[in-house]
N, C-alpha and C. Protein backbone atom coordinates (compact mmCIF):
# COMPACT_ATOMS: atom_id res chain seq x y z
N MET A 1 17.84 -6.85 -7.22
CA MET A 1 16.94 -8.23 -7.20
C MET A 1 17.58 -9.14 -6.01
N ARG A 2 18.68 -9.00 -6.50
CA ARG A 2 19.38 -10.05 -5.03
C ARG A 2 19.13 -9.03 -3.71
N ASN A 3 19.02 -7.92 -3.39
CA ASN A 3 19.01 -7.40 -2.03
C ASN A 3 17.27 -7.64 -1.75
N LEU A 4 16.65 -7.34 -2.75
CA LEU A 4 15.13 -7.41 -2.36
C LEU A 4 14.53 -8.75 -1.81
N HIS A 5 15.39 -9.43 -2.68
CA HIS A 5 15.24 -11.09 -2.34
C HIS A 5 15.55 -11.49 -0.70
N TRP A 6 16.74 -11.10 -0.28
CA TRP A 6 17.45 -11.33 0.72
C TRP A 6 16.56 -10.46 2.09
N GLY A 7 15.97 -8.97 1.76
CA GLY A 7 15.18 -8.34 2.53
C GLY A 7 13.90 -9.25 2.85
N ARG A 8 13.37 -9.98 1.87
CA ARG A 8 11.96 -10.40 2.33
C ARG A 8 12.30 -11.46 3.16
N TRP A 9 13.56 -12.33 3.31
CA TRP A 9 13.33 -13.51 4.21
C TRP A 9 14.09 -13.09 5.76
N THR A 10 14.71 -11.54 5.42
CA THR A 10 14.78 -10.63 6.64
C THR A 10 13.42 -10.48 7.60
N ALA A 11 12.63 -9.81 6.81
CA ALA A 11 11.46 -9.46 7.49
C ALA A 11 10.76 -10.85 7.80
N LEU A 12 11.16 -11.66 7.31
CA LEU A 12 10.03 -12.86 7.43
C LEU A 12 10.78 -13.14 8.94
N ALA A 13 12.13 -13.76 9.24
CA ALA A 13 12.83 -13.56 10.48
C ALA A 13 12.19 -12.89 11.20
N LEU A 14 12.60 -11.54 11.28
CA LEU A 14 11.77 -10.84 12.07
C LEU A 14 10.47 -11.05 12.74
N ALA A 15 9.66 -10.86 11.79
CA ALA A 15 7.77 -11.31 11.76
C ALA A 15 7.98 -12.42 12.86
N ILE A 16 8.64 -13.59 12.30
CA ILE A 16 8.05 -14.60 13.08
C ILE A 16 8.94 -14.61 14.43
N THR A 17 10.17 -13.59 14.55
CA THR A 17 10.48 -13.60 16.27
C THR A 17 9.79 -12.59 16.65
N LEU A 18 9.07 -11.23 16.21
CA LEU A 18 8.22 -10.40 16.56
C LEU A 18 6.91 -11.21 17.16
N SER A 19 6.32 -12.14 16.53
CA SER A 19 5.32 -12.92 16.54
C SER A 19 5.50 -13.51 18.39
N SER A 20 6.34 -14.30 17.94
CA SER A 20 6.24 -15.19 19.36
C SER A 20 6.07 -13.88 20.55
N GLY A 21 6.95 -12.98 20.35
CA GLY A 21 6.89 -11.99 21.40
C GLY A 21 4.97 -11.38 21.78
N CYS A 22 4.64 -11.48 20.72
CA CYS A 22 3.55 -11.23 20.43
C CYS A 22 1.99 -11.92 21.29
N ALA A 23 2.27 -13.30 21.14
CA ALA A 23 1.42 -13.71 21.57
C ALA A 23 1.51 -14.00 23.00
N ALA A 24 2.80 -13.82 23.84
CA ALA A 24 2.92 -13.51 25.09
C ALA A 24 2.12 -12.13 25.48
N THR A 25 2.22 -11.28 24.50
CA THR A 25 1.58 -10.26 25.16
C THR A 25 0.25 -9.68 24.90
N VAL A 26 -0.20 -10.65 24.10
CA VAL A 26 -1.84 -10.82 24.22
C VAL A 26 -2.15 -11.37 25.15
N GLY A 27 -1.80 -12.37 25.71
CA GLY A 27 -2.20 -13.39 26.93
C GLY A 27 -1.73 -11.91 28.13
N ALA A 28 -0.51 -11.58 27.89
CA ALA A 28 -0.76 -10.62 29.06
C ALA A 28 -1.32 -9.44 29.34
N GLN A 29 -1.71 -9.06 28.22
CA GLN A 29 -2.57 -7.68 28.12
C GLN A 29 -4.16 -8.13 28.24
N GLY A 30 -4.28 -9.34 27.90
CA GLY A 30 -5.95 -9.09 27.68
C GLY A 30 -6.14 -8.86 26.27
N ARG A 31 -6.28 -9.64 25.50
CA ARG A 31 -6.24 -9.56 23.80
C ARG A 31 -5.64 -8.59 23.52
N TRP A 32 -5.93 -7.43 23.18
CA TRP A 32 -4.95 -6.50 22.24
C TRP A 32 -4.75 -5.23 23.31
N GLY A 33 -5.00 -5.33 24.82
CA GLY A 33 -4.77 -4.39 25.58
C GLY A 33 -5.53 -3.36 25.45
N GLY A 34 -6.39 -3.18 24.33
CA GLY A 34 -7.69 -2.01 24.49
C GLY A 34 -8.93 -2.60 24.53
N GLY A 35 -10.15 -1.93 24.44
CA GLY A 35 -11.45 -2.12 24.06
C GLY A 35 -11.83 -2.53 22.89
N GLY A 36 -11.06 -2.23 22.18
CA GLY A 36 -11.34 -2.68 20.68
C GLY A 36 -11.20 -3.84 19.93
N TRP A 37 -11.46 -4.27 18.67
CA TRP A 37 -10.93 -5.36 18.21
C TRP A 37 -9.87 -4.96 17.21
N GLY A 38 -9.14 -6.02 17.45
CA GLY A 38 -7.40 -5.68 16.87
C GLY A 38 -6.57 -5.00 17.57
N PRO A 39 -5.50 -4.67 16.55
CA PRO A 39 -4.48 -4.03 17.96
C PRO A 39 -4.72 -2.48 17.95
N PRO A 40 -4.39 -1.67 19.03
CA PRO A 40 -4.73 -0.12 19.34
C PRO A 40 -4.23 0.20 18.20
N SER A 41 -5.02 1.49 17.98
CA SER A 41 -4.35 2.05 16.71
C SER A 41 -3.44 3.32 16.96
N HIS A 42 -3.04 3.31 18.12
CA HIS A 42 -2.11 4.19 18.79
C HIS A 42 -0.62 3.60 19.14
N SER A 43 -0.94 2.09 18.72
CA SER A 43 0.79 1.38 18.87
C SER A 43 1.39 1.48 17.68
N SER A 44 2.84 1.51 18.14
CA SER A 44 3.80 1.06 17.38
C SER A 44 4.70 -0.08 17.05
N ARG A 45 3.81 -1.22 17.70
CA ARG A 45 4.54 -2.07 17.57
C ARG A 45 3.77 -3.16 16.35
N TYR A 46 5.29 -3.51 15.97
CA TYR A 46 4.69 -4.09 14.25
C TYR A 46 4.05 -5.64 14.60
N VAL A 47 2.91 -5.60 14.02
CA VAL A 47 1.86 -6.86 13.82
C VAL A 47 1.83 -7.53 13.14
N ASP A 48 2.14 -8.84 12.76
CA ASP A 48 1.97 -9.82 12.04
C ASP A 48 1.07 -10.07 11.32
N PRO A 49 1.04 -9.93 9.60
CA PRO A 49 -0.47 -10.01 9.53
C PRO A 49 -1.06 -11.24 9.80
N ALA A 50 -0.01 -12.52 9.80
CA ALA A 50 -0.40 -13.96 10.32
C ALA A 50 -1.26 -13.98 11.39
N PHE A 51 -0.34 -12.96 12.42
CA PHE A 51 -0.75 -13.24 13.69
C PHE A 51 -2.06 -12.36 13.83
N GLU A 52 -2.63 -11.32 13.21
CA GLU A 52 -3.41 -10.52 13.56
C GLU A 52 -4.54 -11.22 13.17
N ARG A 53 -4.59 -11.71 11.86
CA ARG A 53 -5.85 -12.28 11.06
C ARG A 53 -6.04 -13.60 11.89
N GLY A 54 -4.95 -14.42 11.98
CA GLY A 54 -5.27 -15.51 12.68
C GLY A 54 -5.94 -15.22 14.20
N TYR A 55 -5.55 -14.46 15.18
CA TYR A 55 -6.29 -14.45 16.00
C TYR A 55 -7.68 -14.03 15.99
N GLU A 56 -7.87 -12.59 15.44
CA GLU A 56 -8.97 -12.17 14.71
C GLU A 56 -10.07 -13.50 14.15
N ASP A 57 -9.83 -14.13 13.72
CA ASP A 57 -10.31 -15.27 13.14
C ASP A 57 -11.08 -16.31 14.00
N GLY A 58 -9.83 -17.00 14.78
CA GLY A 58 -9.95 -17.41 16.33
C GLY A 58 -10.91 -16.89 17.16
N TYR A 59 -11.10 -15.74 17.33
CA TYR A 59 -11.52 -15.17 18.56
C TYR A 59 -12.86 -15.15 18.08
N ARG A 60 -13.27 -15.14 17.02
CA ARG A 60 -15.00 -15.05 16.54
C ARG A 60 -15.36 -16.34 16.60
N ARG A 61 -14.43 -17.20 15.79
CA ARG A 61 -15.38 -18.42 16.13
C ARG A 61 -15.62 -19.60 17.53
N GLY A 62 -14.33 -18.81 18.36
CA GLY A 62 -14.35 -19.32 19.77
C GLY A 62 -15.50 -18.74 20.22
N HIS A 63 -15.21 -17.69 20.36
CA HIS A 63 -16.67 -16.75 21.01
C HIS A 63 -18.08 -17.48 20.33
N ASP A 64 -18.26 -17.59 18.95
CA ASP A 64 -19.48 -18.15 18.18
C ASP A 64 -19.56 -19.69 18.59
N ASP A 65 -18.97 -20.31 18.65
CA ASP A 65 -18.70 -22.00 19.44
C ASP A 65 -19.32 -22.00 20.88
N ALA A 66 -19.04 -20.95 21.67
CA ALA A 66 -19.09 -20.91 23.31
C ALA A 66 -20.63 -20.12 23.25
N ARG A 67 -20.59 -19.47 22.40
CA ARG A 67 -22.38 -18.67 22.24
C ARG A 67 -23.42 -20.04 21.68
N ASP A 68 -22.85 -20.66 20.91
CA ASP A 68 -23.65 -21.52 20.62
C ASP A 68 -23.76 -23.27 20.93
N ARG A 69 -23.17 -23.06 21.97
CA ARG A 69 -22.99 -24.35 23.23
C ARG A 69 -22.18 -25.52 22.40
N ASP A 70 -21.37 -24.76 21.20
CA ASP A 70 -20.69 -26.35 20.43
C ASP A 70 -19.60 -26.58 21.18
N ARG A 71 -18.82 -27.81 21.27
CA ARG A 71 -17.48 -28.10 22.09
C ARG A 71 -16.21 -27.07 21.87
N TYR A 72 -15.53 -27.05 22.43
CA TYR A 72 -14.49 -27.08 22.26
C TYR A 72 -13.57 -27.43 21.51
N ASN A 73 -13.16 -26.61 20.16
CA ASN A 73 -12.37 -27.28 19.10
C ASN A 73 -12.07 -26.42 17.73
N ALA A 74 -10.35 -25.97 18.31
CA ALA A 74 -10.39 -24.94 17.23
C ALA A 74 -9.96 -25.89 16.27
N ARG A 75 -9.50 -26.98 15.96
CA ARG A 75 -9.22 -27.35 14.61
C ARG A 75 -10.35 -28.11 14.03
N ARG A 76 -11.41 -27.95 14.19
CA ARG A 76 -12.55 -28.27 13.24
C ARG A 76 -13.17 -27.42 12.33
N HIS A 77 -12.34 -26.04 12.38
CA HIS A 77 -12.86 -24.82 11.74
C HIS A 77 -11.76 -25.42 10.42
N ARG A 78 -12.46 -24.81 9.16
CA ARG A 78 -11.89 -24.40 7.76
C ARG A 78 -10.81 -23.42 7.95
N ASP A 79 -10.99 -23.06 8.76
CA ASP A 79 -9.89 -21.52 8.63
C ASP A 79 -8.68 -21.94 9.51
N TYR A 80 -8.83 -22.52 10.53
CA TYR A 80 -7.66 -23.21 10.92
C TYR A 80 -6.82 -23.76 10.32
N ARG A 81 -7.77 -25.02 9.71
CA ARG A 81 -7.07 -26.22 8.75
C ARG A 81 -6.25 -25.77 7.25
N ALA A 82 -6.89 -24.86 6.94
CA ALA A 82 -6.40 -24.01 5.69
C ALA A 82 -5.03 -23.39 6.08
N ALA A 83 -5.70 -22.55 6.98
CA ALA A 83 -4.63 -21.36 7.48
C ALA A 83 -4.01 -20.35 6.66
N ASP A 84 -4.70 -20.19 5.50
CA ASP A 84 -4.06 -19.41 4.74
C ASP A 84 -5.21 -18.09 4.25
N ARG A 85 -5.91 -17.60 5.30
CA ARG A 85 -7.07 -16.38 5.08
C ARG A 85 -5.89 -15.56 5.19
N GLY A 86 -6.17 -14.71 3.80
CA GLY A 86 -5.34 -13.03 3.75
C GLY A 86 -3.82 -13.26 3.66
N TYR A 87 -3.51 -14.46 3.42
CA TYR A 87 -2.22 -14.19 3.01
C TYR A 87 -1.93 -13.99 1.60
N HIS A 88 -0.83 -13.44 1.55
CA HIS A 88 -0.33 -12.66 -0.09
C HIS A 88 1.27 -13.08 -0.28
N ARG A 89 1.69 -12.89 -1.27
CA ARG A 89 2.81 -13.41 -1.28
C ARG A 89 3.88 -12.50 -1.20
N SER A 90 3.80 -11.37 -0.80
CA SER A 90 4.63 -10.53 -0.30
C SER A 90 5.23 -10.89 1.31
N TYR A 91 4.00 -11.79 1.90
CA TYR A 91 4.35 -12.04 3.38
C TYR A 91 5.69 -12.89 3.34
N GLY A 92 5.62 -13.63 2.51
CA GLY A 92 7.05 -14.63 2.52
C GLY A 92 6.28 -16.34 2.27
N PRO A 93 6.90 -16.64 2.32
CA PRO A 93 6.43 -18.49 2.36
C PRO A 93 5.35 -18.59 2.78
N ARG A 94 4.50 -19.44 2.28
CA ARG A 94 2.94 -19.63 2.74
C ARG A 94 3.11 -20.82 4.14
N ASP A 95 4.02 -21.41 4.39
CA ASP A 95 4.21 -22.33 5.51
C ASP A 95 4.63 -21.74 6.45
N ALA A 96 5.28 -20.91 6.46
CA ALA A 96 5.50 -19.59 7.66
C ALA A 96 4.49 -19.05 8.16
N TYR A 97 3.63 -18.38 6.98
CA TYR A 97 2.50 -17.72 7.44
C TYR A 97 1.25 -18.45 8.36
N ARG A 98 1.07 -19.57 7.74
CA ARG A 98 0.18 -20.66 8.46
C ARG A 98 0.44 -21.50 9.57
N GLN A 99 2.28 -21.56 9.73
CA GLN A 99 2.11 -21.85 11.55
C GLN A 99 1.93 -20.78 12.64
N ILE A 100 2.09 -19.45 11.94
CA ILE A 100 1.73 -18.18 12.80
C ILE A 100 0.24 -17.90 12.65
N TYR A 101 -0.11 -17.95 11.93
CA TYR A 101 -1.99 -17.96 11.75
C TYR A 101 -2.40 -19.23 12.27
N ARG A 102 -2.39 -20.40 12.64
CA ARG A 102 -2.64 -21.50 13.69
C ARG A 102 -2.12 -21.10 15.03
N ARG A 103 -1.09 -20.85 15.18
CA ARG A 103 -0.58 -20.21 16.91
C ARG A 103 -1.45 -19.46 17.16
N ALA A 104 -1.96 -18.15 16.53
CA ALA A 104 -2.45 -16.96 16.50
C ALA A 104 -3.99 -17.50 16.70
N PHE A 105 -4.47 -18.12 15.68
CA PHE A 105 -6.12 -18.66 15.91
C PHE A 105 -6.38 -19.56 17.29
N THR A 106 -5.32 -20.49 17.42
CA THR A 106 -5.69 -20.80 18.88
C THR A 106 -5.77 -19.97 19.82
N THR A 107 -5.02 -19.14 20.37
CA THR A 107 -4.92 -17.78 20.96
C THR A 107 -6.19 -17.58 21.00
N GLY A 108 -6.74 -16.99 19.82
CA GLY A 108 -8.06 -15.91 19.48
C GLY A 108 -8.91 -16.97 20.23
N TYR A 109 -8.94 -18.24 19.56
CA TYR A 109 -10.03 -19.30 19.94
C TYR A 109 -10.22 -19.30 21.60
N GLU A 110 -9.55 -19.56 22.11
CA GLU A 110 -9.32 -19.88 23.72
C GLU A 110 -10.64 -18.45 24.40
N GLU A 111 -9.34 -17.22 23.98
CA GLU A 111 -9.92 -16.17 24.49
C GLU A 111 -11.39 -15.87 24.17
N GLY A 112 -11.79 -16.07 22.90
CA GLY A 112 -12.94 -15.66 22.57
C GLY A 112 -14.36 -16.78 23.05
N TYR A 113 -13.68 -18.24 23.20
CA TYR A 113 -14.39 -19.21 23.59
C TYR A 113 -14.68 -18.61 25.39
N ARG A 114 -13.61 -18.88 26.00
CA ARG A 114 -13.99 -18.25 27.64
C ARG A 114 -14.65 -16.95 27.73
N ASP A 115 -14.37 -15.73 26.50
CA ASP A 115 -15.08 -14.90 27.36
C ASP A 115 -16.65 -14.76 26.75
N ALA A 116 -17.12 -15.90 26.10
CA ALA A 116 -18.20 -16.06 25.76
C ALA A 116 -19.07 -16.80 26.66
N VAL A 117 -18.36 -17.84 27.47
CA VAL A 117 -18.67 -18.58 28.80
C VAL A 117 -18.83 -18.11 29.90
N ARG A 118 -18.16 -16.58 29.54
CA ARG A 118 -18.12 -15.84 30.72
C ARG A 118 -19.27 -14.87 30.59
N GLY A 119 -20.05 -14.78 29.60
CA GLY A 119 -21.09 -13.88 29.06
C GLY A 119 -20.37 -12.03 28.82
N ARG A 120 -19.18 -12.24 28.31
CA ARG A 120 -18.99 -11.04 27.81
C ARG A 120 -19.43 -11.28 26.19
N ARG A 121 -19.48 -10.05 26.15
CA ARG A 121 -19.81 -9.62 24.33
C ARG A 121 -19.01 -9.82 23.67
N GLY A 122 -19.13 -9.98 22.27
CA GLY A 122 -17.86 -10.46 21.13
C GLY A 122 -17.51 -9.04 21.27
N ARG A 123 -16.16 -8.75 20.48
CA ARG A 123 -15.67 -7.07 20.34
C ARG A 123 -15.92 -6.56 18.98
N TRP A 124 -16.75 -7.26 18.23
CA TRP A 124 -17.15 -6.82 17.24
C TRP A 124 -18.54 -6.12 16.54
């Protein structure tokens, strides 16, 4: 049991470290680097569940806001404020999940809003 507990904390630390790199990769590649929604299926990279869910939710909200000519404001959305959509206790502490989710939501929101303003259709 002790090794299982230690393994979760190690996995969480790894996830946080990797998600920091994923945010930069997403921006550099233009979303997930492919034409589809979410990470490419051929990718062998680990994608943090909080980052993946936050980015997807943010992109959709941002795209919808721009399409509907709503003001740019990611924080007004309930998903951003709660930041626990898709959370499962196996992911580790809820606060760490929320932190990653919000960072990804903001990134996705910005890209979705920008795509809609430029006239690009959503990817879903």
